[in-house]
Amino acid sequence: MARLAAMLDLDPGRLTARLVLERPDPVGDGQGGAEIGFVELARVWALIEPLRFAEEERAAGVAASVTHHVTLRARADLAPGQRFRKGMRLFVIAALCDPDETGRYALARCREDVG
């Protein structure tokens, strides 16, 4: 509930991170299959807020991920599975919501793999 109250009073000047919004785009691999590439949709201003850090063991060792909330102005073309890019950092969109149901902002829950 505190998060919702903060959204109602969001100062657009806090959207200071410049991100590239990308959508998945299947690309043929030349053998009848496809690899997933990404295509730039737009450049947006956003607020990135880290939420949680997690580690897990994988075959190549320990992998870590950070969950973030990314707040930006609402867009009709946002969807889970897309991602935001900031330099070499990638934020994969897991879920979206309109936090105050006014259509002004979108709140994306994203995962960033960090190693």
PDB file of N, CA and C in Angstrom:
ATOM      1  N   MET A   1       0.818  -1.188   0.000  1.00  0.00           N
ATOM      2  CA  MET A   1       0.000   0.000   0.000  1.00  0.00           C
ATOM      3  C   MET A   1       0.869   1.263   0.000  1.00  0.00           C
ATOM      4  N   ALA A   2       2.019   1.206   0.690  1.00  0.00           N
ATOM      5  CA  ALA A   2       2.922   2.358   0.697  1.00  0.00           C
ATOM      6  C   ALA A   2       3.449   2.628  -0.703  1.00  0.00           C
ATOM      7  N   ARG A   3       3.691   1.561  -1.452  1.00  0.00           N
ATOM      8  CA  ARG A   3       4.185   1.711  -2.831  1.00  0.00           C
ATOM      9  C   ARG A   3       3.150   2.447  -3.683  1.00  0.00           C
ATOM     10  N   LEU A   4       1.870   2.110  -3.514  1.00  0.00           N
ATOM     11  CA  LEU A   4       0.808   2.767  -4.264  1.00  0.00           C
ATOM     12  C   LEU A   4       0.725   4.244  -3.903  1.00  0.00           C
ATOM     13  N   ALA A   5       0.820   4.558  -2.634  1.00  0.00           N
ATOM     14  CA  ALA A   5       0.777   5.961  -2.210  1.00  0.00           C
ATOM     15  C   ALA A   5       1.941   6.736  -2.811  1.00  0.00           C
ATOM     16  N   ALA A   6       3.110   6.106  -2.885  1.00  0.00           N
ATOM     17  CA  ALA A   6       4.273   6.769  -3.479  1.00  0.00           C
ATOM     18  C   ALA A   6       4.049   7.018  -4.964  1.00  0.00           C
ATOM     19  N   MET A   7       3.367   6.084  -5.650  1.00  0.00           N
ATOM     20  CA  MET A   7       3.108   6.257  -7.077  1.00  0.00           C
ATOM     21  C   MET A   7       2.164   7.423  -7.328  1.00  0.00           C
ATOM     22  N   LEU A   8       1.176   7.613  -6.452  1.00  0.00           N
ATOM     23  CA  LEU A   8       0.228   8.696  -6.640  1.00  0.00           C
ATOM     24  C   LEU A   8       0.927  10.049  -6.599  1.00  0.00           C
ATOM     25  N   ASP A   9       2.034  10.115  -5.892  1.00  0.00           N
ATOM     26  CA  ASP A   9       2.786  11.357  -5.754  1.00  0.00           C
ATOM     27  C   ASP A   9       4.093  11.332  -6.532  1.00  0.00           C
ATOM     28  N   LEU A  10       4.231  10.467  -7.518  1.00  0.00           N
ATOM     29  CA  LEU A  10       5.490  10.340  -8.247  1.00  0.00           C
ATOM     30  C   LEU A  10       5.832  11.631  -8.970  1.00  0.00           C
ATOM     31  N   ASP A  11       7.016  12.109  -8.717  1.00  0.00           N
ATOM     32  CA  ASP A  11       7.534  13.282  -9.410  1.00  0.00           C
ATOM     33  C   ASP A  11       8.174  12.802 -10.707  1.00  0.00           C
ATOM     34  N   PRO A  12       7.670  13.222 -11.870  1.00  0.00           N
ATOM     35  CA  PRO A  12       8.255  12.769 -13.137  1.00  0.00           C
ATOM     36  C   PRO A  12       9.746  13.090 -13.248  1.00  0.00           C
ATOM     37  N   GLY A  13      10.234  14.042 -12.477  1.00  0.00           N
ATOM     38  CA  GLY A  13      11.659  14.362 -12.474  1.00  0.00           C
ATOM     39  C   GLY A  13      12.522  13.253 -11.910  1.00  0.00           C
ATOM     40  N   ARG A  14      11.907  12.267 -11.241  1.00  0.00           N
ATOM     41  CA  ARG A  14      12.658  11.117 -10.709  1.00  0.00           C
ATOM     42  C   ARG A  14      12.939  10.073 -11.794  1.00  0.00           C
ATOM     43  N   LEU A  15      12.327  10.220 -12.970  1.00  0.00           N
ATOM     44  CA  LEU A  15      12.567   9.282 -14.075  1.00  0.00           C
ATOM     45  C   LEU A  15      13.865   9.696 -14.772  1.00  0.00           C
ATOM     46  N   THR A  16      14.992   9.330 -14.171  1.00  0.00           N
ATOM     47  CA  THR A  16      16.290   9.828 -14.617  1.00  0.00           C
ATOM     48  C   THR A  16      17.155   8.800 -15.346  1.00  0.00           C
ATOM     49  N   ALA A  17      16.724   7.539 -15.376  1.00  0.00           N
ATOM     50  CA  ALA A  17      17.501   6.504 -16.070  1.00  0.00           C
ATOM     51  C   ALA A  17      17.038   6.427 -17.519  1.00  0.00           C
ATOM     52  N   ARG A  18      17.958   6.548 -18.451  1.00  0.00           N
ATOM     53  CA  ARG A  18      17.634   6.447 -19.878  1.00  0.00           C
ATOM     54  C   ARG A  18      17.793   4.992 -20.288  1.00  0.00           C
ATOM     55  N   LEU A  19      16.683   4.350 -20.676  1.00  0.00           N
ATOM     56  CA  LEU A  19      16.679   2.929 -21.015  1.00  0.00           C
ATOM     57  C   LEU A  19      16.230   2.719 -22.454  1.00  0.00           C
ATOM     58  N   VAL A  20      16.672   1.619 -23.034  1.00  0.00           N
ATOM     59  CA  VAL A  20      16.212   1.198 -24.355  1.00  0.00           C
ATOM     60  C   VAL A  20      15.224   0.061 -24.128  1.00  0.00           C
ATOM     61  N   LEU A  21      14.006   0.209 -24.623  1.00  0.00           N
ATOM     62  CA  LEU A  21      12.998  -0.846 -24.559  1.00  0.00           C
ATOM     63  C   LEU A  21      13.171  -1.730 -25.788  1.00  0.00           C
ATOM     64  N   GLU A  22      13.310  -3.049 -25.564  1.00  0.00           N
ATOM     65  CA  GLU A  22      13.521  -3.997 -26.658  1.00  0.00           C
ATOM     66  C   GLU A  22      12.478  -5.113 -26.598  1.00  0.00           C
ATOM     67  N   ARG A  23      12.069  -5.596 -27.775  1.00  0.00           N
ATOM     68  CA  ARG A  23      11.136  -6.722 -27.842  1.00  0.00           C
ATOM     69  C   ARG A  23      11.856  -7.910 -28.461  1.00  0.00           C
ATOM     70  N   PRO A  24      11.452  -9.141 -28.076  1.00  0.00           N
ATOM     71  CA  PRO A  24      12.068 -10.324 -28.672  1.00  0.00           C
ATOM     72  C   PRO A  24      11.689 -10.442 -30.147  1.00  0.00           C
ATOM     73  N   ASP A  25      12.631 -10.933 -30.944  1.00  0.00           N
ATOM     74  CA  ASP A  25      12.417 -11.080 -32.379  1.00  0.00           C
ATOM     75  C   ASP A  25      13.099 -12.365 -32.826  1.00  0.00           C
ATOM     76  N   PRO A  26      12.317 -13.411 -33.162  1.00  0.00           N
ATOM     77  CA  PRO A  26      12.936 -14.663 -33.608  1.00  0.00           C
ATOM     78  C   PRO A  26      13.721 -14.458 -34.906  1.00  0.00           C
ATOM     79  N   VAL A  27      14.910 -15.005 -34.943  1.00  0.00           N
ATOM     80  CA  VAL A  27      15.777 -14.914 -36.120  1.00  0.00           C
ATOM     81  C   VAL A  27      16.130 -16.340 -36.529  1.00  0.00           C
ATOM     82  N   GLY A  28      15.936 -16.666 -37.811  1.00  0.00           N
ATOM     83  CA  GLY A  28      16.255 -18.011 -38.304  1.00  0.00           C
ATOM     84  C   GLY A  28      17.713 -18.354 -38.094  1.00  0.00           C
ATOM     85  N   ASP A  29      17.964 -19.608 -37.698  1.00  0.00           N
ATOM     86  CA  ASP A  29      19.346 -20.032 -37.471  1.00  0.00           C
ATOM     87  C   ASP A  29      19.950 -20.727 -38.683  1.00  0.00           C
ATOM     88  N   GLY A  30      19.207 -20.775 -39.805  1.00  0.00           N
ATOM     89  CA  GLY A  30      19.723 -21.388 -41.024  1.00  0.00           C
ATOM     90  C   GLY A  30      19.544 -22.895 -41.085  1.00  0.00           C
ATOM     91  N   GLN A  31      19.007 -23.494 -40.012  1.00  0.00           N
ATOM     92  CA  GLN A  31      18.812 -24.943 -39.981  1.00  0.00           C
ATOM     93  C   GLN A  31      17.357 -25.285 -39.667  1.00  0.00           C
ATOM     94  N   GLY A  32      16.447 -24.352 -39.918  1.00  0.00           N
ATOM     95  CA  GLY A  32      15.036 -24.598 -39.676  1.00  0.00           C
ATOM     96  C   GLY A  32      14.556 -24.180 -38.299  1.00  0.00           C
ATOM     97  N   GLY A  33      15.463 -23.808 -37.453  1.00  0.00           N
ATOM     98  CA  GLY A  33      15.106 -23.356 -36.107  1.00  0.00           C
ATOM     99  C   GLY A  33      15.194 -21.845 -36.013  1.00  0.00           C
ATOM    100  N   ALA A  34      15.108 -21.352 -34.808  1.00  0.00           N
ATOM    101  CA  ALA A  34      15.187 -19.904 -34.611  1.00  0.00           C
ATOM    102  C   ALA A  34      15.898 -19.590 -33.307  1.00  0.00           C
ATOM    103  N   GLU A  35      16.612 -18.506 -33.324  1.00  0.00           N
ATOM    104  CA  GLU A  35      17.221 -17.951 -32.117  1.00  0.00           C
ATOM    105  C   GLU A  35      16.459 -16.682 -31.789  1.00  0.00           C
ATOM    106  N   ILE A  36      16.467 -16.303 -30.537  1.00  0.00           N
ATOM    107  CA  ILE A  36      15.766 -15.087 -30.135  1.00  0.00           C
ATOM    108  C   ILE A  36      16.755 -13.923 -30.101  1.00  0.00           C
ATOM    109  N   GLY A  37      16.496 -12.941 -30.937  1.00  0.00           N
ATOM    110  CA  GLY A  37      17.241 -11.689 -30.904  1.00  0.00           C
ATOM    111  C   GLY A  37      16.314 -10.624 -30.336  1.00  0.00           C
ATOM    112  N   PHE A  38      16.783  -9.420 -30.198  1.00  0.00           N
ATOM    113  CA  PHE A  38      15.959  -8.327 -29.683  1.00  0.00           C
ATOM    114  C   PHE A  38      16.059  -7.125 -30.600  1.00  0.00           C
ATOM    115  N   VAL A  39      14.939  -6.410 -30.736  1.00  0.00           N
ATOM    116  CA  VAL A  39      14.832  -5.236 -31.598  1.00  0.00           C
ATOM    117  C   VAL A  39      14.435  -4.048 -30.736  1.00  0.00           C
ATOM    118  N   GLU A  40      15.086  -2.915 -30.950  1.00  0.00           N
ATOM    119  CA  GLU A  40      14.764  -1.706 -30.193  1.00  0.00           C
ATOM    120  C   GLU A  40      13.382  -1.181 -30.579  1.00  0.00           C
ATOM    121  N   LEU A  41      12.550  -0.916 -29.558  1.00  0.00           N
ATOM    122  CA  LEU A  41      11.234  -0.314 -29.771  1.00  0.00           C
ATOM    123  C   LEU A  41      11.255   1.187 -29.492  1.00  0.00           C
ATOM    124  N   ALA A  42      11.928   1.574 -28.411  1.00  0.00           N
ATOM    125  CA  ALA A  42      11.901   2.978 -27.999  1.00  0.00           C
ATOM    126  C   ALA A  42      12.986   3.229 -26.962  1.00  0.00           C
ATOM    127  N   ARG A  43      13.252   4.495 -26.748  1.00  0.00           N
ATOM    128  CA  ARG A  43      14.110   4.926 -25.639  1.00  0.00           C
ATOM    129  C   ARG A  43      13.211   5.658 -24.666  1.00  0.00           C
ATOM    130  N   VAL A  44      13.313   5.270 -23.387  1.00  0.00           N
ATOM    131  CA  VAL A  44      12.397   5.807 -22.379  1.00  0.00           C
ATOM    132  C   VAL A  44      13.163   6.292 -21.160  1.00  0.00           C
ATOM    133  N   TRP A  45      12.543   7.194 -20.427  1.00  0.00           N
ATOM    134  CA  TRP A  45      13.064   7.639 -19.137  1.00  0.00           C
ATOM    135  C   TRP A  45      12.362   6.826 -18.059  1.00  0.00           C
ATOM    136  N   ALA A  46      13.110   6.375 -17.054  1.00  0.00           N
ATOM    137  CA  ALA A  46      12.537   5.493 -16.036  1.00  0.00           C
ATOM    138  C   ALA A  46      13.209   5.699 -14.684  1.00  0.00           C
ATOM    139  N   LEU A  47      12.576   5.162 -13.672  1.00  0.00           N
ATOM    140  CA  LEU A  47      13.121   5.088 -12.315  1.00  0.00           C
ATOM    141  C   LEU A  47      13.376   3.615 -12.031  1.00  0.00           C
ATOM    142  N   ILE A  48      14.613   3.248 -11.687  1.00  0.00           N
ATOM    143  CA  ILE A  48      14.976   1.866 -11.381  1.00  0.00           C
ATOM    144  C   ILE A  48      15.179   1.744  -9.879  1.00  0.00           C
ATOM    145  N   GLU A  49      14.444   0.816  -9.256  1.00  0.00           N
ATOM    146  CA  GLU A  49      14.564   0.594  -7.814  1.00  0.00           C
ATOM    147  C   GLU A  49      14.844  -0.883  -7.544  1.00  0.00           C
ATOM    148  N   PRO A  50      16.043  -1.222  -7.035  1.00  0.00           N
ATOM    149  CA  PRO A  50      16.340  -2.617  -6.714  1.00  0.00           C
ATOM    150  C   PRO A  50      15.471  -3.080  -5.545  1.00  0.00           C
ATOM    151  N   LEU A  51      15.011  -4.341  -5.632  1.00  0.00           N
ATOM    152  CA  LEU A  51      14.149  -4.899  -4.587  1.00  0.00           C
ATOM    153  C   LEU A  51      14.800  -6.033  -3.818  1.00  0.00           C
ATOM    154  N   ARG A  52      15.344  -7.027  -4.563  1.00  0.00           N
ATOM    155  CA  ARG A  52      15.815  -8.239  -3.910  1.00  0.00           C
ATOM    156  C   ARG A  52      16.994  -8.818  -4.676  1.00  0.00           C
ATOM    157  N   PHE A  53      17.919  -9.412  -3.938  1.00  0.00           N
ATOM    158  CA  PHE A  53      19.097 -10.060  -4.505  1.00  0.00           C
ATOM    159  C   PHE A  53      18.995 -11.549  -4.190  1.00  0.00           C
ATOM    160  N   ALA A  54      19.276 -12.403  -5.165  1.00  0.00           N
ATOM    161  CA  ALA A  54      19.222 -13.852  -4.944  1.00  0.00           C
ATOM    162  C   ALA A  54      20.399 -14.523  -5.629  1.00  0.00           C
ATOM    163  N   GLU A  55      20.876 -15.597  -5.015  1.00  0.00           N
ATOM    164  CA  GLU A  55      21.939 -16.422  -5.602  1.00  0.00           C
ATOM    165  C   GLU A  55      21.430 -17.846  -5.727  1.00  0.00           C
ATOM    166  N   GLU A  56      21.892 -18.540  -6.772  1.00  0.00           N
ATOM    167  CA  GLU A  56      21.560 -19.946  -6.927  1.00  0.00           C
ATOM    168  C   GLU A  56      22.721 -20.646  -7.612  1.00  0.00           C
ATOM    169  N   GLU A  57      22.872 -21.931  -7.309  1.00  0.00           N
ATOM    170  CA  GLU A  57      23.932 -22.716  -7.936  1.00  0.00           C
ATOM    171  C   GLU A  57      23.452 -23.220  -9.282  1.00  0.00           C
ATOM    172  N   ARG A  58      24.319 -23.085 -10.268  1.00  0.00           N
ATOM    173  CA  ARG A  58      24.053 -23.609 -11.608  1.00  0.00           C
ATOM    174  C   ARG A  58      25.263 -24.429 -12.017  1.00  0.00           C
ATOM    175  N   ALA A  59      25.174 -25.098 -13.145  1.00  0.00           N
ATOM    176  CA  ALA A  59      26.252 -25.972 -13.594  1.00  0.00           C
ATOM    177  C   ALA A  59      27.588 -25.245 -13.676  1.00  0.00           C
ATOM    178  N   ALA A  60      27.576 -23.987 -14.083  1.00  0.00           N
ATOM    179  CA  ALA A  60      28.826 -23.240 -14.249  1.00  0.00           C
ATOM    180  C   ALA A  60      29.251 -22.525 -12.972  1.00  0.00           C
ATOM    181  N   GLY A  61      28.557 -22.744 -11.870  1.00  0.00           N
ATOM    182  CA  GLY A  61      28.904 -22.085 -10.615  1.00  0.00           C
ATOM    183  C   GLY A  61      27.705 -21.353 -10.045  1.00  0.00           C
ATOM    184  N   VAL A  62      27.973 -20.322  -9.286  1.00  0.00           N
ATOM    185  CA  VAL A  62      26.911 -19.559  -8.638  1.00  0.00           C
ATOM    186  C   VAL A  62      26.446 -18.440  -9.566  1.00  0.00           C
ATOM    187  N   ALA A  63      25.138 -18.317  -9.732  1.00  0.00           N
ATOM    188  CA  ALA A  63      24.558 -17.237 -10.532  1.00  0.00           C
ATOM    189  C   ALA A  63      23.743 -16.354  -9.606  1.00  0.00           C
ATOM    190  N   ALA A  64      23.758 -15.069  -9.865  1.00  0.00           N
ATOM    191  CA  ALA A  64      23.029 -14.125  -9.028  1.00  0.00           C
ATOM    192  C   ALA A  64      22.078 -13.305  -9.886  1.00  0.00           C
ATOM    193  N   SER A  65      20.973 -12.894  -9.276  1.00  0.00           N
ATOM    194  CA  SER A  65      20.034 -12.025  -9.978  1.00  0.00           C
ATOM    195  C   SER A  65      19.489 -11.000  -8.996  1.00  0.00           C
ATOM    196  N   VAL A  66      19.085  -9.871  -9.545  1.00  0.00           N
ATOM    197  CA  VAL A  66      18.484  -8.804  -8.754  1.00  0.00           C
ATOM    198  C   VAL A  66      17.112  -8.524  -9.343  1.00  0.00           C
ATOM    199  N   THR A  67      16.121  -8.408  -8.476  1.00  0.00           N
ATOM    200  CA  THR A  67      14.780  -8.040  -8.912  1.00  0.00           C
ATOM    201  C   THR A  67      14.632  -6.536  -8.731  1.00  0.00           C
ATOM    202  N   HIS A  68      14.059  -5.872  -9.734  1.00  0.00           N
ATOM    203  CA  HIS A  68      13.884  -4.424  -9.709  1.00  0.00           C
ATOM    204  C   HIS A  68      12.435  -4.055 -10.008  1.00  0.00           C
ATOM    205  N   HIS A  69      12.035  -2.898  -9.533  1.00  0.00           N
ATOM    206  CA  HIS A  69      10.846  -2.224 -10.052  1.00  0.00           C
ATOM    207  C   HIS A  69      11.352  -1.142 -10.985  1.00  0.00           C
ATOM    208  N   VAL A  70      10.808  -1.099 -12.187  1.00  0.00           N
ATOM    209  CA  VAL A  70      11.142  -0.058 -13.153  1.00  0.00           C
ATOM    210  C   VAL A  70       9.850   0.706 -13.431  1.00  0.00           C
ATOM    211  N   THR A  71       9.853   1.987 -13.112  1.00  0.00           N
ATOM    212  CA  THR A  71       8.682   2.838 -13.321  1.00  0.00           C
ATOM    213  C   THR A  71       8.934   3.736 -14.518  1.00  0.00           C
ATOM    214  N   LEU A  72       7.944   3.811 -15.410  1.00  0.00           N
ATOM    215  CA  LEU A  72       8.057   4.668 -16.588  1.00  0.00           C
ATOM    216  C   LEU A  72       6.659   5.152 -16.960  1.00  0.00           C
ATOM    217  N   ARG A  73       6.605   6.104 -17.875  1.00  0.00           N
ATOM    218  CA  ARG A  73       5.302   6.546 -18.373  1.00  0.00           C
ATOM    219  C   ARG A  73       4.640   5.386 -19.107  1.00  0.00           C
ATOM    220  N   ALA A  74       3.331   5.262 -18.962  1.00  0.00           N
ATOM    221  CA  ALA A  74       2.592   4.145 -19.550  1.00  0.00           C
ATOM    222  C   ALA A  74       2.751   4.125 -21.065  1.00  0.00           C
ATOM    223  N   ARG A  75       2.808   2.918 -21.610  1.00  0.00           N
ATOM    224  CA  ARG A  75       2.912   2.696 -23.056  1.00  0.00           C
ATOM    225  C   ARG A  75       2.017   1.516 -23.408  1.00  0.00           C
ATOM    226  N   ALA A  76       1.351   1.591 -24.540  1.00  0.00           N
ATOM    227  CA  ALA A  76       0.469   0.506 -24.977  1.00  0.00           C
ATOM    228  C   ALA A  76       1.247  -0.716 -25.446  1.00  0.00           C
ATOM    229  N   ASP A  77       2.526  -0.555 -25.801  1.00  0.00           N
ATOM    230  CA  ASP A  77       3.291  -1.666 -26.370  1.00  0.00           C
ATOM    231  C   ASP A  77       4.164  -2.405 -25.362  1.00  0.00           C
ATOM    232  N   LEU A  78       3.985  -2.181 -24.069  1.00  0.00           N
ATOM    233  CA  LEU A  78       4.757  -2.909 -23.052  1.00  0.00           C
ATOM    234  C   LEU A  78       4.180  -4.304 -22.854  1.00  0.00           C
ATOM    235  N   ALA A  79       5.055  -5.303 -22.687  1.00  0.00           N
ATOM    236  CA  ALA A  79       4.592  -6.672 -22.464  1.00  0.00           C
ATOM    237  C   ALA A  79       5.669  -7.473 -21.728  1.00  0.00           C
ATOM    238  N   PRO A  80       5.251  -8.437 -20.900  1.00  0.00           N
ATOM    239  CA  PRO A  80       6.232  -9.338 -20.292  1.00  0.00           C
ATOM    240  C   PRO A  80       7.039 -10.038 -21.390  1.00  0.00           C
ATOM    241  N   GLY A  81       8.305 -10.312 -21.106  1.00  0.00           N
ATOM    242  CA  GLY A  81       9.194 -10.928 -22.083  1.00  0.00           C
ATOM    243  C   GLY A  81      10.054  -9.913 -22.816  1.00  0.00           C
ATOM    244  N   GLN A  82       9.603  -8.658 -22.821  1.00  0.00           N
ATOM    245  CA  GLN A  82      10.449  -7.601 -23.366  1.00  0.00           C
ATOM    246  C   GLN A  82      11.532  -7.293 -22.331  1.00  0.00           C
ATOM    247  N   ARG A  83      12.441  -6.394 -22.685  1.00  0.00           N
ATOM    248  CA  ARG A  83      13.494  -6.040 -21.731  1.00  0.00           C
ATOM    249  C   ARG A  83      13.889  -4.590 -21.915  1.00  0.00           C
ATOM    250  N   PHE A  84      14.510  -4.071 -20.862  1.00  0.00           N
ATOM    251  CA  PHE A  84      15.121  -2.752 -20.898  1.00  0.00           C
ATOM    252  C   PHE A  84      16.627  -2.962 -20.920  1.00  0.00           C
ATOM    253  N   ARG A  85      17.330  -2.134 -21.667  1.00  0.00           N
ATOM    254  CA  ARG A  85      18.793  -2.183 -21.707  1.00  0.00           C
ATOM    255  C   ARG A  85      19.326  -0.844 -21.250  1.00  0.00           C
ATOM    256  N   LYS A  86      20.308  -0.899 -20.365  1.00  0.00           N
ATOM    257  CA  LYS A  86      21.024   0.301 -19.930  1.00  0.00           C
ATOM    258  C   LYS A  86      22.505  -0.035 -20.043  1.00  0.00           C
ATOM    259  N   GLY A  87      23.121   0.377 -21.156  1.00  0.00           N
ATOM    260  CA  GLY A  87      24.502  -0.024 -21.419  1.00  0.00           C
ATOM    261  C   GLY A  87      24.553  -1.534 -21.585  1.00  0.00           C
ATOM    262  N   MET A  88      25.368  -2.207 -20.768  1.00  0.00           N
ATOM    263  CA  MET A  88      25.483  -3.668 -20.817  1.00  0.00           C
ATOM    264  C   MET A  88      24.488  -4.362 -19.897  1.00  0.00           C
ATOM    265  N   ARG A  89      23.764  -3.616 -19.079  1.00  0.00           N
ATOM    266  CA  ARG A  89      22.801  -4.199 -18.139  1.00  0.00           C
ATOM    267  C   ARG A  89      21.479  -4.488 -18.850  1.00  0.00           C
ATOM    268  N   LEU A  90      20.879  -5.654 -18.537  1.00  0.00           N
ATOM    269  CA  LEU A  90      19.606  -6.063 -19.129  1.00  0.00           C
ATOM    270  C   LEU A  90      18.594  -6.336 -18.027  1.00  0.00           C
ATOM    271  N   PHE A  91      17.415  -5.748 -18.153  1.00  0.00           N
ATOM    272  CA  PHE A  91      16.333  -5.896 -17.191  1.00  0.00           C
ATOM    273  C   PHE A  91      15.161  -6.563 -17.917  1.00  0.00           C
ATOM    274  N   VAL A  92      14.925  -7.851 -17.679  1.00  0.00           N
ATOM    275  CA  VAL A  92      13.872  -8.606 -18.363  1.00  0.00           C
ATOM    276  C   VAL A  92      12.548  -8.384 -17.625  1.00  0.00           C
ATOM    277  N   ILE A  93      11.509  -7.995 -18.366  1.00  0.00           N
ATOM    278  CA  ILE A  93      10.203  -7.706 -17.772  1.00  0.00           C
ATOM    279  C   ILE A  93       9.483  -9.017 -17.468  1.00  0.00           C
ATOM    280  N   ALA A  94       9.167  -9.231 -16.190  1.00  0.00           N
ATOM    281  CA  ALA A  94       8.430 -10.422 -15.769  1.00  0.00           C
ATOM    282  C   ALA A  94       6.939 -10.139 -15.640  1.00  0.00           C
ATOM    283  N   ALA A  95       6.585  -8.940 -15.163  1.00  0.00           N
ATOM    284  CA  ALA A  95       5.179  -8.589 -14.956  1.00  0.00           C
ATOM    285  C   ALA A  95       5.021  -7.082 -15.026  1.00  0.00           C
ATOM    286  N   LEU A  96       3.797  -6.652 -15.364  1.00  0.00           N
ATOM    287  CA  LEU A  96       3.490  -5.224 -15.488  1.00  0.00           C
ATOM    288  C   LEU A  96       2.196  -4.904 -14.759  1.00  0.00           C
ATOM    289  N   CYS A  97       2.104  -3.672 -14.268  1.00  0.00           N
ATOM    290  CA  CYS A  97       0.831  -3.217 -13.722  1.00  0.00           C
ATOM    291  C   CYS A  97       0.737  -1.702 -13.850  1.00  0.00           C
ATOM    292  N   ASP A  98      -0.481  -1.207 -13.720  1.00  0.00           N
ATOM    293  CA  ASP A  98      -0.765   0.228 -13.659  1.00  0.00           C
ATOM    294  C   ASP A  98      -0.984   0.506 -12.176  1.00  0.00           C
ATOM    295  N   PRO A  99       0.010   1.030 -11.470  1.00  0.00           N
ATOM    296  CA  PRO A  99      -0.031   1.072 -10.008  1.00  0.00           C
ATOM    297  C   PRO A  99      -1.169   1.890  -9.406  1.00  0.00           C
ATOM    298  N   ASP A 100      -1.604   2.945 -10.064  1.00  0.00           N
ATOM    299  CA  ASP A 100      -2.713   3.726  -9.501  1.00  0.00           C
ATOM    300  C   ASP A 100      -3.937   3.730 -10.413  1.00  0.00           C
ATOM    301  N   GLU A 101      -3.912   2.892 -11.465  1.00  0.00           N
ATOM    302  CA  GLU A 101      -5.001   2.700 -12.417  1.00  0.00           C
ATOM    303  C   GLU A 101      -5.497   4.005 -13.051  1.00  0.00           C
ATOM    304  N   THR A 102      -4.554   4.903 -13.328  1.00  0.00           N
ATOM    305  CA  THR A 102      -4.892   6.150 -14.010  1.00  0.00           C
ATOM    306  C   THR A 102      -4.393   6.160 -15.448  1.00  0.00           C
ATOM    307  N   GLY A 103      -3.546   5.169 -15.810  1.00  0.00           N
ATOM    308  CA  GLY A 103      -2.987   5.123 -17.152  1.00  0.00           C
ATOM    309  C   GLY A 103      -1.806   6.057 -17.348  1.00  0.00           C
ATOM    310  N   ARG A 104      -1.328   6.687 -16.278  1.00  0.00           N
ATOM    311  CA  ARG A 104      -0.193   7.613 -16.394  1.00  0.00           C
ATOM    312  C   ARG A 104       1.147   6.894 -16.391  1.00  0.00           C
ATOM    313  N   TYR A 105       1.299   5.899 -15.520  1.00  0.00           N
ATOM    314  CA  TYR A 105       2.577   5.214 -15.345  1.00  0.00           C
ATOM    315  C   TYR A 105       2.403   3.713 -15.459  1.00  0.00           C
ATOM    316  N   ALA A 106       3.507   3.047 -15.772  1.00  0.00           N
ATOM    317  CA  ALA A 106       3.566   1.586 -15.764  1.00  0.00           C
ATOM    318  C   ALA A 106       4.642   1.192 -14.773  1.00  0.00           C
ATOM    319  N   LEU A 107       4.392   0.131 -14.042  1.00  0.00           N
ATOM    320  CA  LEU A 107       5.355  -0.421 -13.099  1.00  0.00           C
ATOM    321  C   LEU A 107       5.708  -1.818 -13.580  1.00  0.00           C
ATOM    322  N   ALA A 108       6.986  -2.023 -13.910  1.00  0.00           N
ATOM    323  CA  ALA A 108       7.461  -3.312 -14.417  1.00  0.00           C
ATOM    324  C   ALA A 108       8.312  -3.990 -13.356  1.00  0.00           C
ATOM    325  N   ARG A 109       8.002  -5.238 -13.067  1.00  0.00           N
ATOM    326  CA  ARG A 109       8.877  -6.036 -12.202  1.00  0.00           C
ATOM    327  C   ARG A 109       9.858  -6.730 -13.136  1.00  0.00           C
ATOM    328  N   CYS A 110      11.148  -6.468 -12.926  1.00  0.00           N
ATOM    329  CA  CYS A 110      12.188  -6.951 -13.841  1.00  0.00           C
ATOM    330  C   CYS A 110      13.229  -7.764 -13.096  1.00  0.00           C
ATOM    331  N   ARG A 111      13.901  -8.659 -13.839  1.00  0.00           N
ATOM    332  CA  ARG A 111      15.010  -9.438 -13.304  1.00  0.00           C
ATOM    333  C   ARG A 111      16.277  -9.089 -14.082  1.00  0.00           C
ATOM    334  N   GLU A 112      17.328  -8.859 -13.345  1.00  0.00           N
ATOM    335  CA  GLU A 112      18.637  -8.597 -13.946  1.00  0.00           C
ATOM    336  C   GLU A 112      19.597  -9.686 -13.488  1.00  0.00           C
ATOM    337  N   ASP A 113      20.147 -10.458 -14.415  1.00  0.00           N
ATOM    338  CA  ASP A 113      21.175 -11.451 -14.057  1.00  0.00           C
ATOM    339  C   ASP A 113      22.498 -10.720 -13.930  1.00  0.00           C
ATOM    340  N   VAL A 114      23.188 -10.958 -12.820  1.00  0.00           N
ATOM    341  CA  VAL A 114      24.421 -10.214 -12.563  1.00  0.00           C
ATOM    342  C   VAL A 114      25.650 -11.109 -12.455  1.00  0.00           C
ATOM    343  N   GLY A 115      25.563 -12.316 -12.887  1.00  0.00           N
ATOM    344  CA  GLY A 115      26.767 -13.138 -12.907  1.00  0.00           C
ATOM    345  C   GLY A 115      26.571 -14.454 -12.407  1.00  0.00           C
TER     346      GLY A 115
END
